[in-house]
Amino acid sequence: MNYFVTGTDTAVGKTLISCALLHAFAARGKRVVGMKPVAAGCDADNLNEDVKQLRAASNILASLGQINPYSFLHPVAPHIAAATAGVRINLERILTAYQELATQSDVVLVEGVGGFQVPLNDTQDSTDLATALGLPVILVVGMQLGCLNHALLTMRAIKDCGLKCAGWVANVTDPGMGALEENILALKQRIDAPMLGVVQHQTAPDAQATAARLELDLLIQP
């Protein structure tokens, strides 16, 4: 039961939802691990905050190189961060790390970078990574003005890659969003995948508490 987690944009709650899903699967006795193939924006110890959260939510021991094959100091688009560091992101390296994690666990959640189609190098983007992995996709929709367009375009891109959306989560990123329920209804009517839950805005995001708001049984199985 492995999945690729993407979002309608950057900063829409992919890591929160990924960690919540890891906690939910772990509560069912699964060996779980979160993977962030590419991370841009690190602290003084060259660690990315998303990666730290995913490691904390995992319950198997895995190396940092497996969980996060590529990390870059500056929080910019991955292909720019990589070029600045004199590195070319190689999908084969990511696939090898993923396969190693898959042999050690029951559930691997691979969290993408930014939205669904983000350049990784001069010829490939994150849709190429998702296609190479071949995993069903979980879509995190950041509920804010413009989310309908972002969500539906992302769904089209997922289908164009020949991938299946296994479920989606409405994560309220704007607590003052107008017509929230109407927007959620519009998405439910148009997204051909189950809604796993609505996560209300949190000033201090709590992945374990969020896990209780997600319905794992609705996930389309790989």
N, C-alpha and C. Protein backbone atom coordinates (compact mmCIF):
# COMPACT_ATOMS: atom_id res chain seq x y z
N MET A 1 0.85 -1.20 0.00
CA MET A 1 0.00 0.00 0.00
C MET A 1 0.88 1.24 0.00
N ASN A 2 1.40 1.57 -1.14
CA ASN A 2 2.27 2.72 -1.27
C ASN A 2 1.59 3.79 -2.12
N TYR A 3 1.84 5.05 -1.78
CA TYR A 3 1.14 6.15 -2.45
C TYR A 3 2.09 7.31 -2.68
N PHE A 4 1.75 8.11 -3.70
CA PHE A 4 2.45 9.35 -3.98
C PHE A 4 1.54 10.50 -3.54
N VAL A 5 2.03 11.35 -2.67
CA VAL A 5 1.24 12.46 -2.14
C VAL A 5 1.63 13.75 -2.84
N THR A 6 0.66 14.39 -3.46
CA THR A 6 0.91 15.65 -4.13
C THR A 6 -0.07 16.70 -3.63
N GLY A 7 0.13 17.93 -4.07
CA GLY A 7 -0.75 19.01 -3.63
C GLY A 7 -1.08 19.95 -4.77
N THR A 8 -2.05 20.80 -4.53
CA THR A 8 -2.45 21.77 -5.53
C THR A 8 -1.46 22.92 -5.64
N ASP A 9 -0.53 23.00 -4.72
CA ASP A 9 0.48 24.07 -4.72
C ASP A 9 1.49 23.75 -3.63
N THR A 10 2.47 24.60 -3.48
CA THR A 10 3.35 24.48 -2.33
C THR A 10 2.64 25.05 -1.11
N ALA A 11 3.01 24.59 0.07
CA ALA A 11 2.45 25.08 1.34
C ALA A 11 0.95 24.89 1.45
N VAL A 12 0.47 23.72 0.99
CA VAL A 12 -0.96 23.42 1.14
C VAL A 12 -1.20 22.30 2.15
N GLY A 13 -0.13 21.82 2.80
CA GLY A 13 -0.30 20.82 3.85
C GLY A 13 0.04 19.40 3.45
N LYS A 14 0.87 19.23 2.43
CA LYS A 14 1.25 17.86 2.02
C LYS A 14 1.93 17.11 3.15
N THR A 15 2.84 17.77 3.85
CA THR A 15 3.58 17.09 4.91
C THR A 15 2.67 16.76 6.08
N LEU A 16 1.79 17.68 6.45
CA LEU A 16 0.84 17.42 7.53
C LEU A 16 -0.01 16.20 7.20
N ILE A 17 -0.56 16.15 6.00
CA ILE A 17 -1.43 15.05 5.61
C ILE A 17 -0.63 13.75 5.47
N SER A 18 0.58 13.85 4.91
CA SER A 18 1.42 12.65 4.80
C SER A 18 1.72 12.07 6.17
N CYS A 19 2.08 12.92 7.12
CA CYS A 19 2.38 12.45 8.48
C CYS A 19 1.12 11.89 9.15
N ALA A 20 0.00 12.54 8.93
CA ALA A 20 -1.26 12.05 9.50
C ALA A 20 -1.59 10.67 8.95
N LEU A 21 -1.40 10.47 7.66
CA LEU A 21 -1.65 9.16 7.05
C LEU A 21 -0.69 8.11 7.61
N LEU A 22 0.57 8.48 7.81
CA LEU A 22 1.53 7.55 8.40
C LEU A 22 1.07 7.14 9.80
N HIS A 23 0.63 8.09 10.60
CA HIS A 23 0.13 7.77 11.94
C HIS A 23 -1.10 6.86 11.86
N ALA A 24 -1.98 7.13 10.90
CA ALA A 24 -3.19 6.33 10.77
C ALA A 24 -2.87 4.89 10.37
N PHE A 25 -1.95 4.72 9.45
CA PHE A 25 -1.56 3.36 9.05
C PHE A 25 -0.83 2.65 10.19
N ALA A 26 0.04 3.39 10.89
CA ALA A 26 0.77 2.80 12.01
C ALA A 26 -0.18 2.33 13.10
N ALA A 27 -1.26 3.06 13.31
CA ALA A 27 -2.25 2.68 14.33
C ALA A 27 -2.93 1.37 13.97
N ARG A 28 -2.84 0.97 12.71
CA ARG A 28 -3.40 -0.31 12.27
C ARG A 28 -2.34 -1.41 12.23
N GLY A 29 -1.20 -1.12 12.81
CA GLY A 29 -0.15 -2.12 12.90
C GLY A 29 0.76 -2.23 11.71
N LYS A 30 0.73 -1.23 10.84
CA LYS A 30 1.57 -1.27 9.64
C LYS A 30 2.96 -0.69 9.91
N ARG A 31 3.94 -1.23 9.20
CA ARG A 31 5.28 -0.65 9.21
C ARG A 31 5.27 0.46 8.16
N VAL A 32 5.51 1.69 8.60
CA VAL A 32 5.32 2.84 7.71
C VAL A 32 6.57 3.70 7.63
N VAL A 33 6.73 4.33 6.46
CA VAL A 33 7.83 5.27 6.30
C VAL A 33 7.42 6.34 5.29
N GLY A 34 7.83 7.56 5.59
CA GLY A 34 7.59 8.66 4.67
C GLY A 34 8.87 8.98 3.92
N MET A 35 8.71 9.30 2.65
CA MET A 35 9.86 9.62 1.79
C MET A 35 9.66 10.99 1.16
N LYS A 36 10.69 11.79 1.15
CA LYS A 36 10.69 13.09 0.48
C LYS A 36 11.87 13.07 -0.49
N PRO A 37 11.65 12.66 -1.73
CA PRO A 37 12.77 12.47 -2.65
C PRO A 37 13.62 13.72 -2.86
N VAL A 38 12.95 14.87 -2.93
CA VAL A 38 13.66 16.13 -3.17
C VAL A 38 13.14 17.18 -2.19
N ALA A 39 14.05 17.80 -1.47
CA ALA A 39 13.68 18.85 -0.52
C ALA A 39 14.58 20.06 -0.73
N ALA A 40 13.97 21.21 -0.80
CA ALA A 40 14.73 22.46 -0.96
C ALA A 40 14.41 23.39 0.20
N GLY A 41 15.44 23.78 0.92
CA GLY A 41 15.28 24.62 2.11
C GLY A 41 15.68 23.84 3.34
N CYS A 42 16.91 24.02 3.78
CA CYS A 42 17.43 23.24 4.91
C CYS A 42 17.96 24.17 6.01
N ASP A 43 18.08 23.60 7.21
CA ASP A 43 18.61 24.36 8.33
C ASP A 43 20.13 24.25 8.35
N ALA A 44 20.73 24.73 9.43
CA ALA A 44 22.19 24.76 9.53
C ALA A 44 22.79 23.35 9.52
N ASP A 45 22.00 22.35 9.88
CA ASP A 45 22.47 20.96 9.88
C ASP A 45 22.16 20.25 8.57
N ASN A 46 21.73 21.04 7.56
CA ASN A 46 21.38 20.51 6.24
C ASN A 46 20.20 19.55 6.31
N LEU A 47 19.26 19.83 7.22
CA LEU A 47 18.05 19.03 7.35
C LEU A 47 16.84 19.87 6.98
N ASN A 48 15.94 19.28 6.23
CA ASN A 48 14.72 19.95 5.82
C ASN A 48 13.62 19.66 6.84
N GLU A 49 12.79 20.65 7.16
CA GLU A 49 11.75 20.49 8.18
C GLU A 49 10.74 19.42 7.78
N ASP A 50 10.35 19.37 6.51
CA ASP A 50 9.40 18.34 6.08
C ASP A 50 9.98 16.95 6.29
N VAL A 51 11.26 16.80 5.97
CA VAL A 51 11.92 15.50 6.13
C VAL A 51 11.95 15.10 7.61
N LYS A 52 12.24 16.05 8.47
CA LYS A 52 12.27 15.76 9.91
C LYS A 52 10.90 15.28 10.40
N GLN A 53 9.85 15.92 9.92
CA GLN A 53 8.51 15.52 10.34
C GLN A 53 8.14 14.14 9.81
N LEU A 54 8.51 13.86 8.57
CA LEU A 54 8.22 12.54 8.00
C LEU A 54 8.98 11.44 8.74
N ARG A 55 10.22 11.69 9.10
CA ARG A 55 11.00 10.70 9.85
C ARG A 55 10.39 10.45 11.22
N ALA A 56 9.90 11.53 11.85
CA ALA A 56 9.30 11.40 13.18
C ALA A 56 8.00 10.59 13.12
N ALA A 57 7.29 10.67 12.01
CA ALA A 57 6.02 9.96 11.87
C ALA A 57 6.19 8.53 11.39
N SER A 58 7.40 8.17 10.96
CA SER A 58 7.68 6.82 10.48
C SER A 58 8.01 5.91 11.67
N ASN A 59 7.79 4.62 11.50
CA ASN A 59 8.09 3.70 12.61
C ASN A 59 9.10 2.62 12.22
N ILE A 60 9.80 2.81 11.10
CA ILE A 60 10.91 1.93 10.77
C ILE A 60 12.18 2.76 10.68
N LEU A 61 13.30 2.11 10.89
CA LEU A 61 14.58 2.80 10.78
C LEU A 61 15.03 2.79 9.32
N ALA A 62 15.27 3.96 8.80
CA ALA A 62 15.76 4.09 7.42
C ALA A 62 16.77 5.22 7.40
N SER A 63 17.70 5.13 6.49
CA SER A 63 18.74 6.15 6.42
C SER A 63 18.17 7.44 5.84
N LEU A 64 18.83 8.54 6.16
CA LEU A 64 18.42 9.83 5.62
C LEU A 64 18.54 9.82 4.10
N GLY A 65 19.56 9.13 3.58
CA GLY A 65 19.74 9.05 2.14
C GLY A 65 18.61 8.33 1.43
N GLN A 66 17.98 7.37 2.13
CA GLN A 66 16.83 6.68 1.55
C GLN A 66 15.59 7.55 1.61
N ILE A 67 15.37 8.18 2.74
CA ILE A 67 14.18 9.00 2.92
C ILE A 67 14.24 10.28 2.09
N ASN A 68 15.43 10.84 1.98
CA ASN A 68 15.59 12.13 1.28
C ASN A 68 16.87 12.11 0.44
N PRO A 69 16.79 11.50 -0.75
CA PRO A 69 17.99 11.39 -1.60
C PRO A 69 18.61 12.73 -1.99
N TYR A 70 17.77 13.75 -2.16
CA TYR A 70 18.28 15.06 -2.57
C TYR A 70 17.77 16.14 -1.64
N SER A 71 18.69 16.88 -1.03
CA SER A 71 18.32 18.03 -0.20
C SER A 71 19.22 19.20 -0.58
N PHE A 72 18.62 20.37 -0.61
CA PHE A 72 19.33 21.57 -1.02
C PHE A 72 19.10 22.69 -0.02
N LEU A 73 20.08 23.54 0.12
CA LEU A 73 20.05 24.58 1.15
C LEU A 73 18.95 25.61 0.92
N HIS A 74 18.85 26.11 -0.30
CA HIS A 74 17.97 27.25 -0.56
C HIS A 74 16.54 26.81 -0.92
N PRO A 75 15.53 27.48 -0.36
CA PRO A 75 14.13 27.13 -0.63
C PRO A 75 13.64 27.72 -1.96
N VAL A 76 14.15 27.17 -3.05
CA VAL A 76 13.74 27.60 -4.38
C VAL A 76 13.36 26.35 -5.18
N ALA A 77 12.89 26.55 -6.41
CA ALA A 77 12.50 25.42 -7.25
C ALA A 77 13.64 24.40 -7.33
N PRO A 78 13.32 23.11 -7.28
CA PRO A 78 14.36 22.08 -7.18
C PRO A 78 15.43 22.13 -8.27
N HIS A 79 15.01 22.37 -9.52
CA HIS A 79 16.02 22.38 -10.59
C HIS A 79 16.98 23.55 -10.44
N ILE A 80 16.49 24.66 -9.87
CA ILE A 80 17.35 25.82 -9.63
C ILE A 80 18.27 25.54 -8.45
N ALA A 81 17.70 24.97 -7.38
CA ALA A 81 18.51 24.63 -6.20
C ALA A 81 19.60 23.63 -6.56
N ALA A 82 19.24 22.64 -7.39
CA ALA A 82 20.22 21.63 -7.79
C ALA A 82 21.33 22.24 -8.65
N ALA A 83 20.94 23.07 -9.60
CA ALA A 83 21.94 23.71 -10.47
C ALA A 83 22.89 24.58 -9.66
N THR A 84 22.34 25.28 -8.68
CA THR A 84 23.17 26.13 -7.81
C THR A 84 24.19 25.30 -7.04
N ALA A 85 23.77 24.08 -6.67
CA ALA A 85 24.65 23.19 -5.92
C ALA A 85 25.55 22.36 -6.83
N GLY A 86 25.39 22.51 -8.15
CA GLY A 86 26.20 21.74 -9.09
C GLY A 86 25.78 20.28 -9.17
N VAL A 87 24.49 20.03 -8.96
CA VAL A 87 23.96 18.67 -8.94
C VAL A 87 22.85 18.53 -9.99
N ARG A 88 22.74 17.35 -10.58
CA ARG A 88 21.61 17.05 -11.45
C ARG A 88 20.77 15.98 -10.78
N ILE A 89 19.50 16.25 -10.56
CA ILE A 89 18.61 15.28 -9.92
C ILE A 89 18.40 14.11 -10.87
N ASN A 90 18.70 12.91 -10.38
CA ASN A 90 18.62 11.68 -11.16
C ASN A 90 17.46 10.81 -10.64
N LEU A 91 16.50 10.53 -11.50
CA LEU A 91 15.34 9.76 -11.07
C LEU A 91 15.71 8.34 -10.66
N GLU A 92 16.73 7.76 -11.30
CA GLU A 92 17.12 6.39 -10.95
C GLU A 92 17.57 6.30 -9.49
N ARG A 93 18.28 7.31 -9.04
CA ARG A 93 18.72 7.34 -7.64
C ARG A 93 17.51 7.35 -6.71
N ILE A 94 16.50 8.12 -7.07
CA ILE A 94 15.28 8.19 -6.26
C ILE A 94 14.54 6.86 -6.28
N LEU A 95 14.43 6.25 -7.45
CA LEU A 95 13.74 4.97 -7.57
C LEU A 95 14.43 3.87 -6.77
N THR A 96 15.76 3.90 -6.77
CA THR A 96 16.51 2.91 -5.98
C THR A 96 16.21 3.07 -4.50
N ALA A 97 16.23 4.31 -4.02
CA ALA A 97 15.94 4.57 -2.60
C ALA A 97 14.52 4.14 -2.27
N TYR A 98 13.57 4.41 -3.16
CA TYR A 98 12.18 4.01 -2.94
C TYR A 98 12.07 2.49 -2.82
N GLN A 99 12.72 1.76 -3.73
CA GLN A 99 12.64 0.30 -3.69
C GLN A 99 13.23 -0.25 -2.40
N GLU A 100 14.29 0.37 -1.92
CA GLU A 100 14.88 -0.07 -0.65
C GLU A 100 13.90 0.14 0.50
N LEU A 101 13.20 1.27 0.51
CA LEU A 101 12.21 1.53 1.56
C LEU A 101 11.05 0.56 1.44
N ALA A 102 10.63 0.27 0.21
CA ALA A 102 9.47 -0.61 0.00
C ALA A 102 9.72 -2.02 0.51
N THR A 103 10.98 -2.47 0.47
CA THR A 103 11.28 -3.82 0.95
C THR A 103 11.29 -3.89 2.48
N GLN A 104 11.35 -2.74 3.14
CA GLN A 104 11.43 -2.72 4.60
C GLN A 104 10.10 -2.41 5.27
N SER A 105 9.08 -2.06 4.50
CA SER A 105 7.87 -1.52 5.11
C SER A 105 6.61 -2.04 4.43
N ASP A 106 5.48 -1.79 5.09
CA ASP A 106 4.17 -2.13 4.52
C ASP A 106 3.60 -0.95 3.75
N VAL A 107 3.96 0.25 4.18
CA VAL A 107 3.42 1.47 3.56
C VAL A 107 4.55 2.47 3.36
N VAL A 108 4.73 2.92 2.12
CA VAL A 108 5.64 4.03 1.82
C VAL A 108 4.79 5.16 1.26
N LEU A 109 4.89 6.31 1.87
CA LEU A 109 4.24 7.51 1.34
C LEU A 109 5.32 8.42 0.79
N VAL A 110 5.27 8.64 -0.51
CA VAL A 110 6.27 9.48 -1.19
C VAL A 110 5.67 10.86 -1.36
N GLU A 111 6.22 11.83 -0.66
CA GLU A 111 5.70 13.19 -0.75
C GLU A 111 6.44 13.96 -1.84
N GLY A 112 5.67 14.47 -2.79
CA GLY A 112 6.25 15.26 -3.87
C GLY A 112 6.72 16.61 -3.39
N VAL A 113 7.24 17.38 -4.32
CA VAL A 113 7.75 18.72 -4.00
C VAL A 113 6.86 19.75 -4.69
N GLY A 114 6.41 20.76 -3.94
CA GLY A 114 5.54 21.78 -4.53
C GLY A 114 4.24 21.19 -5.04
N GLY A 115 3.83 21.59 -6.25
CA GLY A 115 2.65 21.02 -6.87
C GLY A 115 3.00 19.77 -7.65
N PHE A 116 2.12 19.36 -8.56
CA PHE A 116 2.30 18.08 -9.26
C PHE A 116 3.31 18.16 -10.40
N GLN A 117 3.47 19.33 -11.00
CA GLN A 117 4.37 19.45 -12.15
C GLN A 117 5.42 20.52 -11.89
N VAL A 118 6.49 20.10 -11.23
CA VAL A 118 7.58 21.00 -10.85
C VAL A 118 8.86 20.51 -11.51
N PRO A 119 9.60 21.37 -12.21
CA PRO A 119 10.85 20.93 -12.85
C PRO A 119 11.84 20.35 -11.84
N LEU A 120 12.45 19.22 -12.21
CA LEU A 120 13.48 18.59 -11.38
C LEU A 120 14.87 18.74 -11.99
N ASN A 121 14.92 18.73 -13.31
CA ASN A 121 16.17 18.99 -14.02
C ASN A 121 15.82 19.63 -15.36
N ASP A 122 16.74 19.66 -16.29
CA ASP A 122 16.48 20.39 -17.53
C ASP A 122 15.52 19.67 -18.47
N THR A 123 15.24 18.39 -18.22
CA THR A 123 14.34 17.65 -19.12
C THR A 123 13.19 16.95 -18.41
N GLN A 124 13.24 16.85 -17.08
CA GLN A 124 12.23 16.08 -16.35
C GLN A 124 11.62 16.91 -15.23
N ASP A 125 10.36 16.58 -14.91
CA ASP A 125 9.70 17.24 -13.79
C ASP A 125 9.08 16.20 -12.88
N SER A 126 8.33 16.66 -11.89
CA SER A 126 7.80 15.72 -10.89
C SER A 126 6.73 14.79 -11.45
N THR A 127 6.13 15.13 -12.60
CA THR A 127 5.22 14.17 -13.23
C THR A 127 5.99 12.96 -13.74
N ASP A 128 7.22 13.18 -14.20
CA ASP A 128 8.06 12.06 -14.64
C ASP A 128 8.40 11.15 -13.46
N LEU A 129 8.65 11.76 -12.31
CA LEU A 129 8.93 10.97 -11.10
C LEU A 129 7.70 10.16 -10.71
N ALA A 130 6.54 10.81 -10.67
CA ALA A 130 5.31 10.11 -10.29
C ALA A 130 5.02 8.96 -11.25
N THR A 131 5.24 9.20 -12.54
CA THR A 131 5.00 8.16 -13.55
C THR A 131 5.98 7.00 -13.38
N ALA A 132 7.23 7.32 -13.12
CA ALA A 132 8.24 6.28 -12.93
C ALA A 132 7.93 5.42 -11.70
N LEU A 133 7.45 6.04 -10.64
CA LEU A 133 7.08 5.30 -9.44
C LEU A 133 5.83 4.46 -9.69
N GLY A 134 4.91 5.00 -10.50
CA GLY A 134 3.70 4.27 -10.84
C GLY A 134 2.73 4.07 -9.70
N LEU A 135 2.78 4.95 -8.71
CA LEU A 135 1.94 4.79 -7.52
C LEU A 135 0.62 5.53 -7.67
N PRO A 136 -0.44 5.04 -7.02
CA PRO A 136 -1.66 5.84 -6.94
C PRO A 136 -1.38 7.12 -6.17
N VAL A 137 -2.12 8.16 -6.51
CA VAL A 137 -1.85 9.50 -6.00
C VAL A 137 -2.90 9.91 -4.97
N ILE A 138 -2.43 10.52 -3.90
CA ILE A 138 -3.31 11.18 -2.93
C ILE A 138 -3.11 12.67 -3.11
N LEU A 139 -4.20 13.38 -3.36
CA LEU A 139 -4.14 14.81 -3.64
C LEU A 139 -4.56 15.62 -2.42
N VAL A 140 -3.71 16.54 -2.01
CA VAL A 140 -4.04 17.47 -0.93
C VAL A 140 -4.46 18.79 -1.57
N VAL A 141 -5.70 19.17 -1.33
CA VAL A 141 -6.23 20.41 -1.88
C VAL A 141 -6.18 21.48 -0.80
N GLY A 142 -5.40 22.51 -1.03
CA GLY A 142 -5.36 23.64 -0.10
C GLY A 142 -6.60 24.49 -0.32
N MET A 143 -7.50 24.46 0.66
CA MET A 143 -8.78 25.16 0.50
C MET A 143 -8.58 26.65 0.71
N GLN A 144 -8.53 27.35 -0.42
CA GLN A 144 -8.35 28.80 -0.44
C GLN A 144 -8.87 29.28 -1.79
N LEU A 145 -8.99 30.56 -1.94
CA LEU A 145 -9.48 31.11 -3.20
C LEU A 145 -8.61 30.63 -4.36
N GLY A 146 -9.25 30.08 -5.39
CA GLY A 146 -8.53 29.55 -6.54
C GLY A 146 -8.34 28.05 -6.52
N CYS A 147 -8.75 27.40 -5.42
CA CYS A 147 -8.47 25.96 -5.27
C CYS A 147 -9.23 25.10 -6.27
N LEU A 148 -10.39 25.54 -6.75
CA LEU A 148 -11.14 24.73 -7.71
C LEU A 148 -10.33 24.55 -8.98
N ASN A 149 -9.83 25.64 -9.51
CA ASN A 149 -9.01 25.59 -10.72
C ASN A 149 -7.76 24.75 -10.48
N HIS A 150 -7.08 25.00 -9.38
CA HIS A 150 -5.84 24.27 -9.09
C HIS A 150 -6.10 22.77 -8.95
N ALA A 151 -7.16 22.41 -8.25
CA ALA A 151 -7.46 21.00 -8.01
C ALA A 151 -7.85 20.28 -9.30
N LEU A 152 -8.69 20.90 -10.10
CA LEU A 152 -9.16 20.24 -11.32
C LEU A 152 -8.05 20.14 -12.36
N LEU A 153 -7.20 21.15 -12.45
CA LEU A 153 -6.06 21.06 -13.36
C LEU A 153 -5.09 19.97 -12.90
N THR A 154 -4.89 19.86 -11.59
CA THR A 154 -4.00 18.81 -11.07
C THR A 154 -4.58 17.44 -11.35
N MET A 155 -5.88 17.27 -11.17
CA MET A 155 -6.52 15.99 -11.47
C MET A 155 -6.35 15.64 -12.94
N ARG A 156 -6.48 16.62 -13.81
CA ARG A 156 -6.30 16.35 -15.24
C ARG A 156 -4.87 15.91 -15.52
N ALA A 157 -3.91 16.56 -14.87
CA ALA A 157 -2.50 16.19 -15.07
C ALA A 157 -2.23 14.77 -14.58
N ILE A 158 -2.83 14.41 -13.45
CA ILE A 158 -2.67 13.05 -12.91
C ILE A 158 -3.20 12.02 -13.91
N LYS A 159 -4.37 12.28 -14.45
CA LYS A 159 -4.97 11.35 -15.43
C LYS A 159 -4.15 11.31 -16.71
N ASP A 160 -3.63 12.45 -17.13
CA ASP A 160 -2.83 12.50 -18.36
C ASP A 160 -1.56 11.67 -18.22
N CYS A 161 -1.09 11.48 -16.98
CA CYS A 161 0.09 10.66 -16.73
C CYS A 161 -0.25 9.18 -16.67
N GLY A 162 -1.54 8.87 -16.78
CA GLY A 162 -1.97 7.48 -16.69
C GLY A 162 -2.02 6.97 -15.26
N LEU A 163 -2.06 7.87 -14.30
CA LEU A 163 -2.08 7.50 -12.89
C LEU A 163 -3.50 7.60 -12.33
N LYS A 164 -3.72 6.92 -11.23
CA LYS A 164 -5.01 6.90 -10.56
C LYS A 164 -4.96 7.73 -9.29
N CYS A 165 -5.96 8.56 -9.10
CA CYS A 165 -6.08 9.27 -7.82
C CYS A 165 -6.80 8.37 -6.85
N ALA A 166 -6.13 8.03 -5.75
CA ALA A 166 -6.69 7.10 -4.76
C ALA A 166 -7.57 7.79 -3.74
N GLY A 167 -7.48 9.12 -3.68
CA GLY A 167 -8.26 9.88 -2.72
C GLY A 167 -7.72 11.29 -2.60
N TRP A 168 -8.52 12.15 -2.00
CA TRP A 168 -8.07 13.53 -1.83
C TRP A 168 -8.52 14.05 -0.47
N VAL A 169 -7.82 15.07 -0.01
CA VAL A 169 -8.09 15.68 1.29
C VAL A 169 -8.29 17.17 1.12
N ALA A 170 -9.36 17.68 1.72
CA ALA A 170 -9.60 19.12 1.73
C ALA A 170 -8.94 19.69 2.98
N ASN A 171 -7.82 20.37 2.79
CA ASN A 171 -7.08 20.95 3.92
C ASN A 171 -7.30 22.46 3.91
N VAL A 172 -7.94 22.97 4.93
CA VAL A 172 -8.31 24.38 4.97
C VAL A 172 -7.08 25.22 5.32
N THR A 173 -6.51 25.83 4.29
CA THR A 173 -5.32 26.67 4.49
C THR A 173 -5.69 28.12 4.77
N ASP A 174 -6.88 28.53 4.35
CA ASP A 174 -7.36 29.89 4.61
C ASP A 174 -8.58 29.81 5.52
N PRO A 175 -8.40 30.13 6.82
CA PRO A 175 -9.52 30.01 7.75
C PRO A 175 -10.67 30.96 7.44
N GLY A 176 -10.40 31.99 6.65
CA GLY A 176 -11.45 32.94 6.31
C GLY A 176 -12.04 32.72 4.94
N MET A 177 -11.79 31.56 4.35
CA MET A 177 -12.28 31.29 3.00
C MET A 177 -13.80 31.38 2.94
N GLY A 178 -14.30 32.13 1.99
CA GLY A 178 -15.74 32.22 1.80
C GLY A 178 -16.28 31.01 1.07
N ALA A 179 -17.53 30.64 1.38
CA ALA A 179 -18.23 29.54 0.72
C ALA A 179 -17.42 28.24 0.75
N LEU A 180 -16.85 27.95 1.91
CA LEU A 180 -16.01 26.75 2.04
C LEU A 180 -16.79 25.49 1.70
N GLU A 181 -17.96 25.31 2.30
CA GLU A 181 -18.73 24.09 2.07
C GLU A 181 -19.14 23.96 0.61
N GLU A 182 -19.48 25.09 -0.01
CA GLU A 182 -19.88 25.05 -1.42
C GLU A 182 -18.70 24.65 -2.31
N ASN A 183 -17.50 25.11 -1.96
CA ASN A 183 -16.31 24.74 -2.72
C ASN A 183 -15.99 23.26 -2.55
N ILE A 184 -16.13 22.76 -1.33
CA ILE A 184 -15.89 21.33 -1.09
C ILE A 184 -16.89 20.49 -1.88
N LEU A 185 -18.14 20.91 -1.90
CA LEU A 185 -19.17 20.19 -2.66
C LEU A 185 -18.83 20.19 -4.15
N ALA A 186 -18.38 21.33 -4.67
CA ALA A 186 -18.02 21.42 -6.09
C ALA A 186 -16.89 20.44 -6.42
N LEU A 187 -15.93 20.31 -5.51
CA LEU A 187 -14.83 19.37 -5.74
C LEU A 187 -15.31 17.93 -5.65
N LYS A 188 -16.16 17.62 -4.69
CA LYS A 188 -16.69 16.26 -4.56
C LYS A 188 -17.45 15.84 -5.81
N GLN A 189 -18.12 16.79 -6.43
CA GLN A 189 -18.89 16.49 -7.63
C GLN A 189 -18.00 16.29 -8.86
N ARG A 190 -16.77 16.83 -8.82
CA ARG A 190 -15.93 16.85 -10.00
C ARG A 190 -14.68 15.97 -9.92
N ILE A 191 -14.28 15.59 -8.73
CA ILE A 191 -13.09 14.75 -8.59
C ILE A 191 -13.52 13.29 -8.51
N ASP A 192 -13.01 12.50 -9.43
CA ASP A 192 -13.37 11.09 -9.50
C ASP A 192 -12.50 10.26 -8.55
N ALA A 193 -12.65 10.54 -7.28
CA ALA A 193 -11.90 9.84 -6.23
C ALA A 193 -12.56 10.20 -4.91
N PRO A 194 -12.45 9.33 -3.91
CA PRO A 194 -13.09 9.61 -2.63
C PRO A 194 -12.41 10.73 -1.85
N MET A 195 -13.20 11.55 -1.19
CA MET A 195 -12.65 12.54 -0.27
C MET A 195 -12.37 11.82 1.05
N LEU A 196 -11.14 11.89 1.51
CA LEU A 196 -10.74 11.17 2.72
C LEU A 196 -11.06 11.94 3.98
N GLY A 197 -11.30 13.25 3.83
CA GLY A 197 -11.64 14.05 5.00
C GLY A 197 -11.44 15.53 4.75
N VAL A 198 -12.00 16.31 5.67
CA VAL A 198 -11.81 17.76 5.69
C VAL A 198 -11.01 18.09 6.93
N VAL A 199 -9.88 18.75 6.73
CA VAL A 199 -9.02 19.13 7.85
C VAL A 199 -9.14 20.64 8.04
N GLN A 200 -9.70 21.03 9.16
CA GLN A 200 -9.87 22.46 9.43
C GLN A 200 -8.53 23.12 9.70
N HIS A 201 -8.50 24.42 9.53
CA HIS A 201 -7.26 25.18 9.71
C HIS A 201 -6.72 24.99 11.12
N GLN A 202 -5.40 24.79 11.22
CA GLN A 202 -4.75 24.62 12.52
C GLN A 202 -3.61 25.63 12.65
N THR A 203 -3.64 26.40 13.71
CA THR A 203 -2.54 27.35 13.94
C THR A 203 -1.27 26.60 14.34
N ALA A 204 -1.43 25.47 15.01
CA ALA A 204 -0.30 24.61 15.36
C ALA A 204 -0.64 23.21 14.85
N PRO A 205 -0.29 22.91 13.61
CA PRO A 205 -0.65 21.63 13.01
C PRO A 205 -0.21 20.43 13.83
N ASP A 206 -1.13 19.48 13.99
CA ASP A 206 -0.89 18.28 14.80
C ASP A 206 -1.23 17.07 13.93
N ALA A 207 -0.21 16.36 13.47
CA ALA A 207 -0.43 15.25 12.55
C ALA A 207 -1.19 14.10 13.21
N GLN A 208 -0.88 13.82 14.48
CA GLN A 208 -1.57 12.71 15.15
C GLN A 208 -3.06 13.01 15.32
N ALA A 209 -3.39 14.23 15.69
CA ALA A 209 -4.80 14.61 15.81
C ALA A 209 -5.48 14.60 14.44
N THR A 210 -4.74 15.03 13.42
CA THR A 210 -5.28 15.07 12.07
C THR A 210 -5.59 13.66 11.55
N ALA A 211 -4.81 12.68 11.99
CA ALA A 211 -5.02 11.29 11.54
C ALA A 211 -6.44 10.82 11.82
N ALA A 212 -7.01 11.28 12.94
CA ALA A 212 -8.35 10.85 13.32
C ALA A 212 -9.42 11.42 12.39
N ARG A 213 -9.06 12.42 11.59
CA ARG A 213 -10.03 13.06 10.70
C ARG A 213 -10.00 12.47 9.28
N LEU A 214 -9.13 11.49 9.07
CA LEU A 214 -8.99 10.90 7.74
C LEU A 214 -9.58 9.48 7.74
N GLU A 215 -10.29 9.14 6.69
CA GLU A 215 -10.93 7.83 6.57
C GLU A 215 -10.12 6.94 5.63
N LEU A 216 -9.23 6.15 6.22
CA LEU A 216 -8.36 5.28 5.44
C LEU A 216 -9.15 4.28 4.61
N ASP A 217 -10.27 3.83 5.15
CA ASP A 217 -11.04 2.79 4.46
C ASP A 217 -11.59 3.26 3.12
N LEU A 218 -11.62 4.57 2.90
CA LEU A 218 -12.11 5.09 1.63
C LEU A 218 -11.04 5.11 0.54
N LEU A 219 -9.77 4.96 0.94
CA LEU A 219 -8.68 4.98 -0.03
C LEU A 219 -8.85 3.88 -1.06
N ILE A 220 -8.67 4.23 -2.32
CA ILE A 220 -8.65 3.22 -3.38
C ILE A 220 -7.34 2.46 -3.27
N GLN A 221 -7.42 1.15 -3.17
CA GLN A 221 -6.23 0.34 -2.95
C GLN A 221 -5.40 0.25 -4.22
N PRO A 222 -4.06 0.19 -4.07
CA PRO A 222 -3.18 0.04 -5.24
C PRO A 222 -3.48 -1.26 -6.00
